[in-house]
């Protein structure tokens, strides 16, 4: 079974190991923004995302390319040049992430939709995915806005929250074409733990039962179903044995397949630079608080 490729802004020039990975199951929009350190409201950022999507859709012109709307935490969004909406939140996992931020910041939603709509005019293999969805009602609201802004391509959703899992029957009725289960977040929320902890077990019977249930419902509704995240070889093999495709990060290819890639440090570099900016912003805010207190 072939799996799918996930990209985070890597500048590829050809299809990546097409004998192992077919179509681009996920482009994580937030990493394009974080690479530039710019909000999608800025014209230069919009052009950067457009050019990237044009390139990837051209390389995979005979296959699907799924772009996921930016899934920024509050801390990540606040440090971007051009951000206008600031939310004061202390926990990085909760709050205005993904679809929540899109609906709370309509200017950002429209700007990002305008980009994908423009690309879609000449690259009809482009589809979009909504991240961090609460439930069917929220997803329907976002799809309605998306259509009003002019995007007519296929739409998918992430299932990362327990609430979305429990509302799956209604989510399947929203007109989506694809479901991607975000294993890192869903496992974290199910077990109330953080990634890489002893309790974060994607392969637990609980998680596998949930996946089987979602897979069965998606299959009955003729909706594509896949899982994504930072996945190890054991989990990937289990999924493939169950007939579930995995969306594998470009950066994980050396570890999973023992194969070389041209940009092994791309994702690591973006994360490091972003964390530096977040620390700097946090330190500045603390200094201001101290000065005001004095």
Protein backbone atom coordinates (compact mmCIF):
# COMPACT_ATOMS: atom_id res chain seq x y z
CA UNK A 1 0.00 0.00 0.00
CA UNK A 2 1.24 3.48 -0.90
CA UNK A 3 0.98 6.23 1.70
CA UNK A 4 0.65 9.99 1.19
CA UNK A 5 3.09 12.89 1.44
CA UNK A 6 2.85 15.83 3.86
CA UNK A 7 4.77 19.02 3.09
CA UNK A 8 5.60 21.98 5.31
CA UNK A 9 7.01 24.36 2.72
CA UNK A 10 9.92 22.25 1.47
CA UNK A 11 11.05 23.46 -1.96
CA UNK A 12 10.82 20.20 -3.89
CA UNK A 13 11.50 20.05 -7.63
CA UNK A 14 10.08 16.61 -8.43
CA UNK A 15 7.69 14.05 -7.00
CA UNK A 16 9.01 12.55 -3.78
CA UNK A 17 9.58 8.78 -3.92
CA UNK A 18 6.45 8.15 -5.99
CA UNK A 19 6.83 4.37 -5.61
CA UNK A 20 6.15 4.86 -1.87
CA UNK A 21 4.07 8.05 -1.64
CA UNK A 22 1.21 9.04 -3.91
CA UNK A 23 -0.30 12.52 -4.07
CA UNK A 24 0.18 15.28 -1.52
CA UNK A 25 -2.21 14.48 1.29
CA UNK A 26 -1.37 17.57 3.31
CA UNK A 27 0.38 20.91 2.92
CA UNK A 28 0.51 22.58 6.32
CA UNK A 29 -0.23 26.22 5.59
CA UNK A 30 1.04 27.52 8.92
CA UNK A 31 4.62 26.58 8.09
CA UNK A 32 4.56 28.75 4.97
CA UNK A 33 3.50 31.70 7.12
CA UNK A 34 6.02 30.89 9.85
CA UNK A 35 8.82 30.57 7.30
CA UNK A 36 8.22 34.16 6.19
CA UNK A 37 7.15 35.23 9.69
CA UNK A 38 4.24 37.01 8.02
CA UNK A 39 0.48 36.95 8.45
CA UNK A 40 -1.57 35.91 5.41
CA UNK A 41 -3.03 39.45 5.41
CA UNK A 42 0.20 40.73 3.82
CA UNK A 43 0.33 40.70 0.01
CA UNK A 44 3.88 39.32 0.04
CA UNK A 45 2.74 36.36 2.14
CA UNK A 46 -0.22 35.71 -0.13
CA UNK A 47 2.09 35.67 -3.15
CA UNK A 48 4.53 33.32 -1.38
CA UNK A 49 1.76 30.82 -0.59
CA UNK A 50 0.28 31.12 -4.08
CA UNK A 51 3.65 30.48 -5.75
CA UNK A 52 4.29 27.47 -3.52
CA UNK A 53 0.87 25.93 -4.20
CA UNK A 54 1.25 26.59 -7.94
CA UNK A 55 4.57 24.75 -7.92
CA UNK A 56 3.36 21.73 -5.96
CA UNK A 57 0.13 21.44 -7.94
CA UNK A 58 2.17 21.55 -11.16
CA UNK A 59 4.56 18.84 -9.98
CA UNK A 60 1.61 16.66 -8.98
CA UNK A 61 -0.65 17.75 -11.85
CA UNK A 62 -2.06 14.24 -12.28
CA UNK A 63 -2.66 13.74 -8.54
CA UNK A 64 -4.51 15.41 -5.70
CA UNK A 65 -2.92 18.16 -3.59
CA UNK A 66 -4.58 18.96 -0.25
CA UNK A 67 -3.82 22.30 1.38
CA UNK A 68 -4.64 22.65 5.06
CA UNK A 69 -5.67 26.11 6.20
CA UNK A 70 -3.19 27.65 8.63
CA UNK A 71 -3.25 25.94 12.01
CA UNK A 72 -1.42 28.47 14.15
CA UNK A 73 -1.40 28.52 17.91
CA UNK A 74 -2.04 31.89 19.52
CA UNK A 75 1.66 32.27 20.40
CA UNK A 76 2.66 31.55 16.79
CA UNK A 77 0.11 33.93 15.27
CA UNK A 78 0.90 36.82 17.61
CA UNK A 79 4.53 37.13 16.48
CA UNK A 80 3.81 37.21 12.74
CA UNK A 81 4.35 40.51 10.94
CA UNK A 82 0.99 41.89 9.87
CA UNK A 83 -1.14 40.18 12.52
CA UNK A 84 -4.03 42.41 13.58
CA UNK A 85 -6.02 40.16 15.91
CA UNK A 86 -4.26 39.24 19.17
CA UNK A 87 -5.68 36.77 21.66
CA UNK A 88 -4.29 36.55 25.17
CA UNK A 89 -4.11 32.83 25.89
CA UNK A 90 -1.71 30.88 28.07
CA UNK A 91 -2.12 27.32 26.82
CA UNK A 92 -0.72 26.49 23.36
CA UNK A 93 -3.03 23.52 22.73
CA UNK A 94 -6.32 25.29 23.35
CA UNK A 95 -8.11 28.42 22.19
CA UNK A 96 -8.06 30.11 18.80
CA UNK A 97 -6.44 27.44 16.64
CA UNK A 98 -7.32 26.34 13.13
CA UNK A 99 -10.94 26.79 12.13
CA UNK A 100 -11.63 28.74 15.34
CA UNK A 101 -9.19 31.46 14.33
CA UNK A 102 -10.47 31.48 10.73
CA UNK A 103 -14.00 32.17 11.91
CA UNK A 104 -12.85 34.71 14.52
CA UNK A 105 -10.62 36.54 12.02
CA UNK A 106 -12.67 36.80 8.80
CA UNK A 107 -10.07 39.00 7.08
CA UNK A 108 -7.45 36.26 7.48
CA UNK A 109 -9.95 33.61 6.35
CA UNK A 110 -10.82 35.60 3.24
CA UNK A 111 -7.17 36.32 2.39
CA UNK A 112 -6.21 32.65 2.62
CA UNK A 113 -9.32 31.58 0.69
CA UNK A 114 -8.54 34.11 -2.05
CA UNK A 115 -5.12 32.51 -2.49
CA UNK A 116 -6.39 28.94 -2.83
CA UNK A 117 -9.26 30.08 -5.05
CA UNK A 118 -6.86 31.83 -7.42
CA UNK A 119 -4.60 28.78 -7.61
CA UNK A 120 -7.62 26.50 -8.14
CA UNK A 121 -8.56 28.41 -11.31
CA UNK A 122 -5.60 26.92 -13.14
CA UNK A 123 -4.80 23.97 -10.83
CA UNK A 124 -8.07 22.05 -10.29
CA UNK A 125 -6.21 19.28 -8.45
CA UNK A 126 -6.02 21.57 -5.39
CA UNK A 127 -8.35 20.83 -2.47
CA UNK A 128 -8.53 22.25 1.06
CA UNK A 129 -8.73 20.87 4.59
CA UNK A 130 -10.03 22.57 7.73
CA UNK A 131 -8.04 21.95 10.95
CA UNK A 132 -9.03 21.80 14.62
CA UNK A 133 -12.74 21.38 13.98
CA UNK A 134 -15.06 21.22 16.98
CA UNK A 135 -18.16 19.74 15.39
CA UNK A 136 -20.37 19.58 12.31
CA UNK A 137 -22.06 22.92 12.96
CA UNK A 138 -18.74 24.75 13.06
CA UNK A 139 -17.53 22.93 9.93
CA UNK A 140 -20.72 23.80 8.02
CA UNK A 141 -20.28 27.44 8.99
CA UNK A 142 -16.71 27.46 7.62
CA UNK A 143 -17.69 25.67 4.40
CA UNK A 144 -20.50 28.19 3.84
CA UNK A 145 -18.04 31.08 4.17
CA UNK A 146 -15.53 29.28 1.94
CA UNK A 147 -18.12 28.90 -0.82
CA UNK A 148 -19.22 32.51 -0.45
CA UNK A 149 -15.62 33.57 -1.02
CA UNK A 150 -15.65 31.62 -4.28
CA UNK A 151 -13.80 28.33 -3.71
CA UNK A 152 -15.55 25.48 -5.56
CA UNK A 153 -13.06 22.63 -5.07
CA UNK A 154 -13.20 19.66 -2.73
CA UNK A 155 -13.15 20.14 1.04
CA UNK A 156 -11.88 17.89 3.82
CA UNK A 157 -11.62 18.05 7.58
CA UNK A 158 -9.20 17.06 10.28
CA UNK A 159 -10.49 15.00 13.20
CA UNK A 160 -8.28 16.06 16.10
CA UNK A 161 -10.76 16.72 18.87
CA UNK A 162 -12.89 14.20 20.81
CA UNK A 163 -15.92 16.43 20.12
CA UNK A 164 -15.41 15.96 16.36
CA UNK A 165 -15.08 12.20 16.83
CA UNK A 166 -18.38 12.07 18.72
CA UNK A 167 -20.06 14.25 16.08
CA UNK A 168 -18.67 12.29 13.13
CA UNK A 169 -22.07 11.15 11.82
CA UNK A 170 -23.15 14.75 11.30
CA UNK A 171 -19.71 15.78 10.01
CA UNK A 172 -20.03 13.15 7.28
CA UNK A 173 -23.19 14.94 6.07
CA UNK A 174 -21.49 18.31 5.47
CA UNK A 175 -20.36 17.52 1.91
CA UNK A 176 -16.72 16.77 2.70
CA UNK A 177 -14.60 14.49 0.50
CA UNK A 178 -11.81 13.58 2.91
CA UNK A 179 -11.18 12.93 6.60
CA UNK A 180 -7.70 13.14 8.08
CA UNK A 181 -7.27 12.04 11.68
CA UNK A 182 -4.60 14.11 13.43
CA UNK A 183 -3.11 11.42 15.63
CA UNK A 184 -0.88 13.64 17.76
CA UNK A 185 -3.62 15.99 18.93
CA UNK A 186 -6.38 13.39 19.16
CA UNK A 187 -4.23 11.06 21.27
CA UNK A 188 -3.21 13.99 23.49
CA UNK A 189 -6.80 15.03 24.10
CA UNK A 190 -8.06 11.48 24.65
CA UNK A 191 -5.43 10.72 27.29
CA UNK A 192 -4.99 14.29 28.64
CA UNK A 193 -1.26 14.22 28.00
CA UNK A 194 1.45 15.76 25.83
CA UNK A 195 3.25 14.24 22.89
CA UNK A 196 6.17 11.92 23.73
CA UNK A 197 4.91 11.25 27.26
CA UNK A 198 4.48 7.71 28.57
CA UNK A 199 0.68 8.03 28.23
CA UNK A 200 0.67 9.24 24.62
CA UNK A 201 -0.02 5.86 23.00
CA UNK A 202 -1.37 5.99 19.45
CA UNK A 203 -1.34 2.20 19.26
CA UNK A 204 -3.49 1.65 22.34
CA UNK A 205 -6.65 -0.48 21.86
CA UNK A 206 -8.71 2.64 22.57
CA UNK A 207 -7.19 4.61 19.70
CA UNK A 208 -7.28 1.64 17.31
CA UNK A 209 -10.97 1.05 18.05
CA UNK A 210 -11.72 4.73 17.40
CA UNK A 211 -9.87 4.54 14.08
CA UNK A 212 -11.76 1.43 12.99
CA UNK A 213 -15.08 3.08 13.77
CA UNK A 214 -14.17 6.23 11.85
CA UNK A 215 -12.79 4.21 8.93
CA UNK A 216 -16.02 2.17 8.68
CA UNK A 217 -18.22 5.26 8.71
CA UNK A 218 -16.08 7.05 6.11
CA UNK A 219 -16.08 3.99 3.84
CA UNK A 220 -19.88 3.65 4.03
CA UNK A 221 -20.17 7.31 3.01
CA UNK A 222 -17.54 6.94 0.23
CA UNK A 223 -15.28 9.52 1.88
CA UNK A 224 -11.48 9.21 1.74
CA UNK A 225 -9.90 8.40 5.09
CA UNK A 226 -6.30 8.78 6.26
CA UNK A 227 -4.25 9.44 9.39
CA UNK A 228 -1.50 12.01 9.85
CA UNK A 229 1.06 13.03 12.43
CA UNK A 230 4.57 12.18 13.53
CA UNK A 231 4.14 8.45 13.05
CA UNK A 232 6.55 5.61 13.74
CA UNK A 233 7.09 2.53 11.59
CA UNK A 234 5.12 0.23 13.88
CA UNK A 235 2.03 2.45 13.74
CA UNK A 236 2.31 2.91 9.96
CA UNK A 237 2.43 -0.86 9.47
CA UNK A 238 -0.64 -1.32 11.69
CA UNK A 239 -2.56 1.29 9.73
CA UNK A 240 -1.63 -0.17 6.35
CA UNK A 241 -2.67 -3.63 7.55
CA UNK A 242 -6.05 -2.11 8.43
CA UNK A 243 -6.24 -0.58 4.95
CA UNK A 244 -5.64 2.95 6.23
CA UNK A 245 -3.20 5.24 4.41
CA UNK A 246 -0.81 7.40 6.42
CA UNK A 247 0.14 10.95 5.50
CA UNK A 248 3.87 11.06 6.22
CA UNK A 249 5.91 14.19 6.79
CA UNK A 250 8.66 14.87 4.27
CA UNK A 251 11.08 15.37 7.18
CA UNK A 252 10.32 11.86 8.50
CA UNK A 253 11.27 10.04 5.28
CA UNK A 254 14.88 9.30 6.36
CA UNK A 255 13.73 7.81 9.65
CA UNK A 256 10.85 5.78 8.20
CA UNK A 257 12.33 4.59 4.92
CA UNK A 258 16.08 5.13 5.43
CA UNK A 259 16.11 7.30 2.31
CA UNK A 260 17.74 10.67 1.67
CA UNK A 261 15.91 13.98 1.19
CA UNK A 262 17.18 17.31 -0.12
CA UNK A 263 15.88 19.47 2.73
CA UNK A 264 16.32 17.51 5.98
CA UNK A 265 16.55 20.59 8.23
CA UNK A 266 13.84 22.79 6.69
CA UNK A 267 11.15 22.07 9.28
CA UNK A 268 13.58 22.07 12.20
CA UNK A 269 14.91 25.49 11.18
CA UNK A 270 11.42 27.05 10.98
CA UNK A 271 10.48 25.70 14.40
CA UNK A 272 13.72 26.93 15.99
CA UNK A 273 13.41 30.43 14.53
CA UNK A 274 9.77 30.65 15.55
CA UNK A 275 10.57 29.63 19.12
CA UNK A 276 13.32 32.27 19.30
CA UNK A 277 10.85 34.96 18.24
CA UNK A 278 8.25 33.70 20.72
CA UNK A 279 10.79 33.79 23.57
CA UNK A 280 11.93 37.27 22.58
CA UNK A 281 8.34 38.51 22.47
CA UNK A 282 7.57 36.87 25.80
CA UNK A 283 10.65 38.41 27.44
CA UNK A 284 9.76 41.85 26.08
CA UNK A 285 6.22 41.54 27.42
CA UNK A 286 7.52 40.54 30.86
CA UNK A 287 9.91 43.50 30.93
CA UNK A 288 7.07 45.86 30.08
CA UNK A 289 4.95 44.35 32.88
CA UNK A 290 7.80 44.83 35.35
CA UNK A 291 8.30 48.45 34.30
CA UNK A 292 4.58 49.15 34.61
CA UNK A 293 4.51 47.49 38.03
CA UNK A 294 7.35 49.69 39.21
